[in-house]
Protein backbone atom coordinates (compact mmCIF):
# COMPACT_ATOMS: atom_id res chain seq x y z
CA MET A 1 24.81 13.15 0.71
CA PRO A 2 25.19 15.72 -2.17
CA LEU A 3 22.90 14.85 -5.32
CA VAL A 4 24.74 15.08 -8.47
CA SER A 5 23.70 16.42 -11.79
CA LEU A 6 22.93 14.21 -14.64
CA THR A 7 22.09 14.87 -18.25
CA ALA A 8 18.51 14.54 -19.56
CA SER A 9 19.56 11.41 -21.39
CA ALA A 10 21.33 10.05 -18.34
CA ARG A 11 17.80 10.38 -16.31
CA ALA A 12 15.88 9.04 -18.83
CA VAL A 13 18.27 5.91 -18.89
CA PHE A 14 18.41 5.52 -15.18
CA ARG A 15 14.25 6.13 -14.75
CA THR A 16 13.86 3.30 -17.49
CA LEU A 17 16.05 0.80 -15.54
CA VAL A 18 14.37 1.46 -12.32
CA ALA A 19 10.72 0.86 -13.96
CA SER A 20 11.64 -1.91 -16.24
CA GLY A 21 14.42 -3.67 -14.35
CA PRO A 22 17.61 -5.26 -15.49
CA ALA A 23 18.07 -4.56 -19.18
CA THR A 24 20.98 -3.94 -22.17
CA ARG A 25 22.27 -0.82 -23.77
CA PRO A 26 20.66 -1.63 -27.00
CA GLN A 27 17.30 -2.46 -25.63
CA ILE A 28 17.09 0.97 -23.68
CA GLY A 29 18.34 2.71 -26.51
CA ALA A 30 15.64 1.62 -28.61
CA LEU A 31 13.00 2.11 -25.77
CA LEU A 32 13.96 5.73 -25.53
CA ASP A 33 15.27 6.18 -29.49
CA LEU A 34 18.82 7.13 -28.28
CA SER A 35 21.79 6.98 -30.54
CA ARG A 36 24.88 4.63 -29.99
CA PRO A 37 26.90 7.88 -28.55
CA THR A 38 24.53 9.33 -26.63
CA MET A 39 23.54 5.98 -24.97
CA SER A 40 27.22 5.33 -24.61
CA ALA A 41 27.74 8.63 -23.01
CA ALA A 42 24.41 8.46 -20.74
CA MET A 43 25.73 4.77 -19.23
CA GLY A 44 28.96 6.47 -18.94
CA GLU A 45 27.70 8.94 -16.70
CA LEU A 46 25.81 6.81 -14.61
CA GLU A 47 28.39 4.51 -13.87
CA ARG A 48 30.44 6.94 -12.51
CA HIS A 49 28.01 7.84 -9.89
CA GLY A 50 27.54 4.20 -9.14
CA PHE A 51 23.82 4.64 -10.47
CA VAL A 52 24.19 1.53 -12.54
CA GLU A 53 25.77 -1.75 -12.08
CA ASN A 54 26.54 -4.70 -14.52
CA VAL A 55 24.89 -7.87 -13.70
CA GLY A 56 25.65 -10.28 -16.41
CA GLU A 57 24.98 -10.75 -20.12
CA SER A 58 22.10 -11.21 -22.38
CA GLN A 59 22.05 -13.74 -25.19
CA GLY A 60 20.71 -11.67 -28.19
CA SER A 61 18.34 -12.89 -30.81
CA LEU A 62 21.50 -13.15 -33.35
CA GLY A 63 23.67 -15.05 -30.90
CA ARG A 64 25.28 -12.22 -29.64
CA LYS A 65 25.69 -11.24 -26.05
CA ALA A 66 25.16 -7.96 -24.46
CA ALA A 67 25.84 -6.49 -21.42
CA LEU A 68 22.85 -6.72 -18.49
CA TYR A 69 22.52 -3.42 -16.25
CA ARG A 70 20.37 -2.79 -13.44
CA ALA A 71 20.30 0.28 -10.90
CA GLY A 72 23.64 0.11 -8.63
CA GLY A 73 24.31 0.77 -4.85
CA GLY A 74 25.09 4.36 -5.62
CA ALA A 75 21.81 5.08 -6.59
CA GLY A 76 20.79 4.06 -2.77
CA HIS A 77 17.47 2.66 -1.07
CA VAL A 78 14.48 3.46 0.50
CA VAL A 79 13.07 2.38 3.67
CA ALA A 80 8.94 1.72 3.73
CA VAL A 81 6.92 1.14 6.96
CA ASP A 82 3.40 0.14 6.97
CA ALA A 83 2.81 1.46 10.80
CA GLY A 84 -0.78 -0.47 11.07
CA SER A 85 -3.30 -1.09 13.62
CA THR A 86 -2.39 -4.84 13.99
CA HIS A 87 1.19 -4.92 12.67
CA VAL A 88 4.38 -3.34 11.85
CA ARG A 89 5.73 -3.84 8.28
CA LEU A 90 8.95 -2.69 7.09
CA ARG A 91 10.76 -3.06 3.81
CA VAL A 92 14.49 -1.94 2.84
CA SER A 93 14.46 -1.99 -1.18
CA THR A 94 16.53 -0.44 -4.10
CA LEU A 95 15.00 2.25 -6.12
CA ASP A 96 14.33 -0.82 -8.80
CA ARG A 97 12.37 -2.43 -5.86
CA ARG A 98 15.00 -5.03 -4.75
CA LEU A 99 14.46 -6.28 -1.73
CA LEU A 100 17.03 -5.81 0.74
CA HIS A 101 15.62 -6.40 4.01
CA SER A 102 12.24 -6.75 5.72
CA ARG A 103 10.59 -7.05 9.20
CA THR A 104 7.17 -7.83 10.53
CA TYR A 105 6.19 -6.92 13.89
CA ARG A 106 2.80 -8.10 15.54
CA LEU A 107 1.51 -5.46 17.94
CA PRO A 108 0.60 -6.59 21.55
CA SER A 109 -3.07 -5.72 21.00
CA ASN A 110 -4.83 -3.91 18.60
CA HIS A 111 -5.31 -0.23 17.77
CA LYS A 112 -7.89 1.80 15.73
CA VAL A 113 -5.79 4.99 16.07
CA MET A 114 -2.33 6.13 15.85
CA ASP A 115 -1.00 6.05 19.18
CA GLU A 116 2.50 5.72 21.08
CA GLU A 117 2.71 1.99 20.99
CA ILE A 118 2.65 2.22 17.38
CA SER A 119 5.16 5.06 17.29
CA LEU A 120 7.39 2.66 19.61
CA ALA A 121 7.38 -0.13 17.56
CA VAL A 122 8.15 1.93 14.52
CA ALA A 123 10.99 3.27 16.12
CA GLU A 124 12.45 -0.07 17.32
CA GLU A 125 11.69 -1.61 13.76
CA PHE A 126 13.66 1.14 12.05
CA GLU A 127 16.13 0.92 14.51
CA ALA A 128 16.71 -2.84 13.91
CA ALA A 129 16.44 -2.29 10.28
CA THR A 130 19.16 0.09 10.36
CA ALA A 131 21.36 -2.12 12.27
CA GLU A 132 21.38 -4.55 9.42
CA ARG A 133 22.35 -1.98 6.89
CA GLU A 134 25.20 -2.69 4.47
CA PRO A 135 27.50 -0.83 2.50
CA SER A 136 25.97 -2.62 -0.81
CA TRP A 137 22.79 -0.64 0.00
CA GLY A 138 24.12 2.70 -0.82
CA PRO A 139 22.71 6.01 1.10
CA LEU A 140 19.21 6.43 2.12
CA ARG A 141 17.38 8.44 0.00
CA ALA A 142 13.67 8.58 1.50
CA ILE A 143 11.49 7.26 4.15
CA GLY A 144 7.87 6.09 3.63
CA ILE A 145 5.44 5.56 6.31
CA ALA A 146 1.90 4.50 5.82
CA LEU A 147 -0.08 5.45 8.73
CA PRO A 148 -3.62 4.24 10.19
CA SER A 149 -5.33 7.52 10.18
CA ARG A 150 -6.20 10.23 7.40
CA VAL A 151 -3.20 12.30 6.59
CA VAL A 152 -2.49 16.09 5.72
CA ARG A 153 -0.06 18.46 5.37
CA PRO A 154 2.02 19.57 8.40
CA ASP A 155 1.26 23.23 7.52
CA SER A 156 -2.78 22.56 7.38
CA GLY A 157 -3.35 23.35 11.28
CA ASP A 158 -4.87 19.67 11.82
CA THR A 159 -2.64 17.41 12.54
CA ALA A 160 -3.33 17.06 16.07
CA ALA A 161 -6.99 16.08 14.91
CA THR A 162 -5.52 13.42 12.40
CA ARG A 163 -3.37 11.80 15.25
CA GLN A 164 -0.55 11.79 12.33
CA ASP A 165 1.82 13.60 14.89
CA ARG A 166 1.35 10.71 17.55
CA LEU A 167 3.91 9.16 15.17
CA PHE A 168 6.67 11.19 16.73
CA THR A 169 6.00 10.59 20.39
CA ARG A 170 8.47 7.77 20.37
CA PHE A 171 9.93 7.49 16.49
CA GLU A 172 12.61 10.27 15.34
CA PRO A 173 13.29 10.02 11.42
CA PRO A 174 17.05 11.15 10.47
CA GLY A 175 17.06 14.43 9.29
CA GLY A 176 17.72 15.75 6.04
CA LEU A 177 15.83 13.07 4.23
CA PRO A 178 12.45 12.97 2.82
CA LEU A 179 9.54 11.73 4.95
CA ILE A 180 6.48 10.84 3.08
CA LEU A 181 3.30 10.17 5.21
CA GLU A 182 0.09 8.66 3.36
CA ASN A 183 -2.85 7.11 4.62
CA ASN A 184 -2.43 3.15 4.67
CA VAL A 185 -5.21 2.51 2.58
CA ASN A 186 -4.66 4.92 0.12
CA CYS A 187 -1.25 3.28 0.03
CA ALA A 188 -2.73 -0.22 -0.74
CA ALA A 189 -4.97 1.23 -3.71
CA VAL A 190 -1.43 2.70 -5.15
CA ALA A 191 0.17 -1.01 -4.91
CA GLU A 192 -2.93 -2.41 -6.50
CA ARG A 193 -3.00 -0.45 -9.37
CA PHE A 194 0.83 -1.02 -10.07
CA TYR A 195 1.65 -4.35 -8.65
CA GLY A 196 -2.01 -6.00 -7.91
CA VAL A 197 -5.73 -6.47 -9.47
CA ALA A 198 -6.26 -3.17 -10.40
CA GLN A 199 -2.93 -2.78 -12.96
CA GLY A 200 -3.88 -0.59 -16.07
CA GLU A 201 -7.23 0.72 -14.51
CA GLU A 202 -7.37 4.66 -14.12
CA ASP A 203 -10.54 4.53 -12.17
CA PHE A 204 -11.24 1.64 -9.22
CA ALA A 205 -11.90 1.89 -5.38
CA TYR A 206 -10.26 -0.04 -3.18
CA ILE A 207 -12.14 -0.86 0.20
CA GLN A 208 -10.60 -2.25 3.27
CA ILE A 209 -12.79 -4.59 5.38
CA GLY A 210 -11.15 -6.04 8.57
CA LEU A 211 -10.70 -4.23 12.15
CA LYS A 212 -11.28 -0.89 10.18
CA LEU A 213 -12.96 0.28 7.39
CA GLY A 214 -11.29 2.46 4.83
CA MET A 215 -11.34 3.34 1.15
CA GLY A 216 -8.60 4.31 -1.20
CA LEU A 217 -10.02 6.02 -4.20
CA MET A 218 -8.15 6.21 -7.53
CA LEU A 219 -9.75 8.49 -10.12
CA GLY A 220 -7.78 9.03 -13.54
CA GLY A 221 -4.75 7.53 -12.49
CA ARG A 222 -4.66 9.50 -9.35
CA LEU A 223 -5.27 9.28 -5.42
CA VAL A 224 -8.52 11.36 -4.47
CA ARG A 225 -7.33 12.71 -0.83
CA GLY A 226 -9.93 15.30 -0.41
CA ARG A 227 -9.69 18.89 1.06
CA ASN A 228 -9.26 17.32 4.78
CA GLY A 229 -7.38 14.26 3.63
CA ALA A 230 -10.88 12.24 4.44
CA ALA A 231 -11.53 11.19 0.92
CA GLY A 232 -12.29 7.85 1.64
CA GLU A 233 -13.23 7.58 5.10
CA ILE A 234 -16.25 5.21 4.84
CA GLY A 235 -15.71 4.04 8.74
CA HIS A 236 -17.68 7.92 9.43
CA ILE A 237 -20.73 6.99 7.02
CA ALA A 238 -23.62 8.26 9.20
CA PHE A 239 -25.44 4.72 10.41
CA PRO A 240 -27.89 3.50 11.26
CA LEU A 241 -30.17 5.40 9.12
CA ALA A 242 -33.69 4.35 10.50
CA ALA A 243 -37.09 5.62 12.14
CA GLY A 244 -36.27 6.44 15.68
CA MET A 245 -32.70 5.88 15.56
CA VAL A 246 -29.66 8.73 15.29
CA PRO A 247 -26.55 8.14 13.32
CA VAL A 248 -23.68 7.84 15.49
CA PRO A 249 -20.09 8.71 14.20
CA GLY A 250 -18.02 5.48 13.47
CA GLU A 251 -20.64 3.24 13.99
CA ILE A 252 -20.81 1.30 10.71
CA GLU A 253 -16.91 0.78 11.38
CA ALA A 254 -17.95 -0.44 14.88
CA TYR A 255 -20.84 -2.39 13.19
CA LEU A 256 -18.82 -3.99 9.97
CA GLY A 257 -15.64 -4.19 11.99
CA THR A 258 -14.08 -7.54 12.96
CA GLU A 259 -14.95 -7.06 16.86
CA ALA A 260 -18.59 -6.52 16.21
CA LEU A 261 -18.74 -9.16 13.67
CA MET A 262 -17.17 -11.69 16.31
CA GLU A 263 -19.60 -10.48 18.71
CA ARG A 264 -22.34 -11.39 16.86
CA VAL A 265 -20.86 -14.51 15.93
CA ARG A 266 -20.60 -15.62 19.31
CA GLY A 267 -23.88 -14.30 20.31
CA ALA A 268 -25.52 -16.57 17.70
CA TRP A 269 -23.54 -19.44 18.16
CA ASP A 270 -24.99 -22.89 18.34
CA ALA A 271 -23.16 -24.85 20.97
CA SER A 272 -24.19 -28.24 19.38
CA GLU A 273 -21.69 -26.94 16.59
CA GLY A 274 -18.57 -27.03 18.72
CA PRO A 275 -16.94 -23.84 20.54
CA PRO A 276 -17.58 -20.63 18.73
CA PRO A 277 -14.04 -19.18 16.49
CA SER A 278 -11.57 -17.39 18.72
CA ASP A 279 -11.27 -14.87 15.95
CA ALA A 280 -12.37 -13.92 12.26
CA SER A 281 -9.41 -15.79 10.86
CA GLU A 282 -10.89 -19.04 12.43
CA LEU A 283 -14.20 -18.12 11.63
CA PHE A 284 -13.42 -17.78 7.73
CA ARG A 285 -11.04 -21.03 8.34
CA LEU A 286 -14.29 -22.47 9.39
CA ALA A 287 -16.74 -21.39 6.60
CA GLU A 288 -13.90 -22.37 4.08
CA SER A 289 -14.03 -25.68 5.41
CA GLY A 290 -17.93 -26.26 5.07
CA HIS A 291 -18.76 -25.80 8.78
CA GLY A 292 -22.66 -24.51 8.66
CA GLY A 293 -22.93 -21.97 11.36
CA ALA A 294 -19.53 -20.41 10.45
CA LEU A 295 -20.48 -20.30 6.82
CA ALA A 296 -24.03 -18.48 7.59
CA ALA A 297 -22.46 -16.24 9.80
CA VAL A 298 -19.91 -15.37 6.58
CA CYS A 299 -22.63 -15.00 4.29
CA ARG A 300 -24.35 -12.40 6.36
CA HIS A 301 -21.48 -10.30 6.77
CA ALA A 302 -21.08 -10.67 2.88
CA ASP A 303 -24.43 -9.34 2.41
CA ASP A 304 -23.58 -6.22 5.08
CA ILE A 305 -20.33 -5.63 3.04
CA GLY A 306 -22.25 -5.60 -0.32
CA GLY A 307 -24.76 -2.92 0.91
CA LEU A 308 -21.37 -0.64 2.29
CA VAL A 309 -19.64 -1.43 -1.39
CA ALA A 310 -23.21 -0.13 -2.97
CA THR A 311 -22.97 3.00 -0.83
CA CYS A 312 -19.64 3.74 -2.41
CA VAL A 313 -20.28 2.77 -5.68
CA ALA A 314 -23.77 5.29 -5.78
CA VAL A 315 -21.42 7.97 -4.86
CA VAL A 316 -18.30 7.57 -7.00
CA ASP A 317 -19.07 4.84 -9.69
CA PRO A 318 -15.27 3.41 -9.91
CA GLY A 319 -16.52 0.36 -12.19
CA LEU A 320 -14.17 -1.70 -10.33
CA VAL A 321 -13.73 -2.13 -6.43
CA VAL A 322 -10.88 -4.26 -4.88
CA LEU A 323 -11.53 -5.88 -1.61
CA GLY A 324 -8.85 -5.88 0.42
CA GLY A 325 -7.83 -5.83 4.32
CA GLY A 326 -8.10 -9.12 7.16
CA VAL A 327 -11.75 -9.76 5.70
CA GLY A 328 -11.79 -8.44 2.70
CA THR A 329 -9.50 -10.68 0.78
CA SER A 330 -11.85 -13.87 1.60
CA PRO A 331 -13.17 -15.65 -1.39
CA LEU A 332 -16.10 -16.43 0.36
CA LEU A 333 -17.28 -12.75 -0.13
CA LEU A 334 -17.41 -13.41 -3.70
CA PRO A 335 -19.99 -13.55 -5.15
CA THR A 336 -22.57 -12.17 -2.85
CA VAL A 337 -20.77 -8.67 -2.54
CA PRO A 338 -21.16 -7.78 -6.14
CA GLU A 339 -24.59 -9.30 -6.33
CA VAL A 340 -25.69 -7.11 -3.33
CA ALA A 341 -23.80 -4.14 -4.53
CA ALA A 342 -25.58 -4.23 -8.25
CA ARG A 343 -28.84 -4.68 -6.52
CA LEU A 344 -28.87 -1.81 -4.30
CA SER A 345 -26.60 0.57 -6.64
CA TYR A 346 -25.18 0.30 -9.91
CA PRO A 347 -23.37 -2.70 -11.81
CA VAL A 348 -19.80 -2.92 -10.47
CA THR A 349 -16.79 -5.57 -11.14
CA VAL A 350 -15.48 -6.76 -7.87
CA ARG A 351 -12.32 -8.38 -7.23
CA SER A 352 -10.22 -9.67 -4.21
CA SER A 353 -6.57 -7.95 -3.22
CA SER A 354 -3.87 -10.24 -4.85
CA LEU A 355 -1.34 -8.34 -2.45
CA GLY A 356 -3.06 -9.37 0.94
CA PRO A 357 -1.22 -7.91 3.94
CA ASP A 358 1.88 -6.49 1.79
CA ALA A 359 -0.61 -4.17 -0.09
CA THR A 360 0.19 -1.20 2.37
CA VAL A 361 3.97 -1.63 2.38
CA LEU A 362 4.12 -2.09 -1.29
CA GLY A 363 1.98 1.08 -1.81
CA ILE A 364 4.10 3.32 0.78
CA GLU A 365 7.61 1.76 -0.92
CA ARG A 366 6.36 2.82 -4.48
CA LEU A 367 5.34 6.48 -3.04
CA ALA A 368 8.93 6.78 -1.24
CA ILE A 369 10.37 5.63 -4.75
CA GLU A 370 8.74 8.16 -6.73
CA GLU A 371 9.85 11.11 -3.95
CA ALA A 372 13.63 9.54 -4.05
CA LEU A 373 13.84 9.60 -7.93
CA VAL A 374 12.28 13.50 -7.83
CA LEU A 375 15.20 14.60 -5.83
CA LEU A 376 17.98 12.37 -7.13
CA LEU A 377 17.46 13.15 -10.91
CA ALA A 378 16.09 16.66 -10.50
CA ASP A 379 17.53 19.18 -12.97
CA GLY A 380 20.48 20.99 -11.30
CA ALA A 381 20.17 18.88 -8.46
CA ARG A 382 21.96 20.00 -5.42
């Protein structure tokens, strides 16, 4: 769909509505320091293209009512997908983040790497969401997909090694649209900065603890991706480091991931305390209820996670670490993790993610919207 050319003031007004949500003309004009005639002309432009719509009235402090506006259907929508190791989560939303449609699919098995089964799930979920599309959604402006792998530029020559190409074994994105690919943990870090417990923070690390390990690193308010897209790939930290032992690639992830955790739990479980938990979720539920054996296992795991956090802190000194993932969000990890991390490295604030399993899809949604806005509001738009 051809894009339109907007004046600078119209672009500024639209960006404000997208960022802050519904507002009146006087509110936007005051925020942007626009005169009433300029504001009126800008809104007229946006209304002609369907980029804004009237959604009612707002009562002013002096009793006057003013029309309330938000992003309109003509501005379109984005599709955001978290192609995860255990679930595929999909959100369809307007550019001002109003949810239009959502889907969640539990994969039949866990996947530590990008593969054809994840690709098939993405294809089916995208097709199902497309079938639900309504005219009021407007045009699709961008697609964002978060992957359980490092991500590099398509022209880097390294896409086979990252396995990001496996996304397209069964999923064929529609042509002519921006497609944003990003590492899933990086996306979670983006979401935490804008919507979660790291709001307003320029420097922090988001550490995922679950089936896999990962770190999304924000420094100076920008994602750190690294030369090979591998910044934050903490699952590749050399481990173990001890006399007579040879470090094995990925072994720290194999040791701290939920599968190995449950193997240790089952191996040490006292039969007198009942049957062992079937998975990590049950383990943490038992621990929260005060079950002695489960609580001891979780405390040991918290010590190990504290050691991992200490390693990350020693390298990048982020000041703040946000714990996420299936295990990382448990409040039982606090205060052990920050205590261990401070003892082994430097003092650090540790917070549990407030976004839970939605962190990644919210982050890739944010990146897709940003890309859509760049194209939609570009000077001399095509």
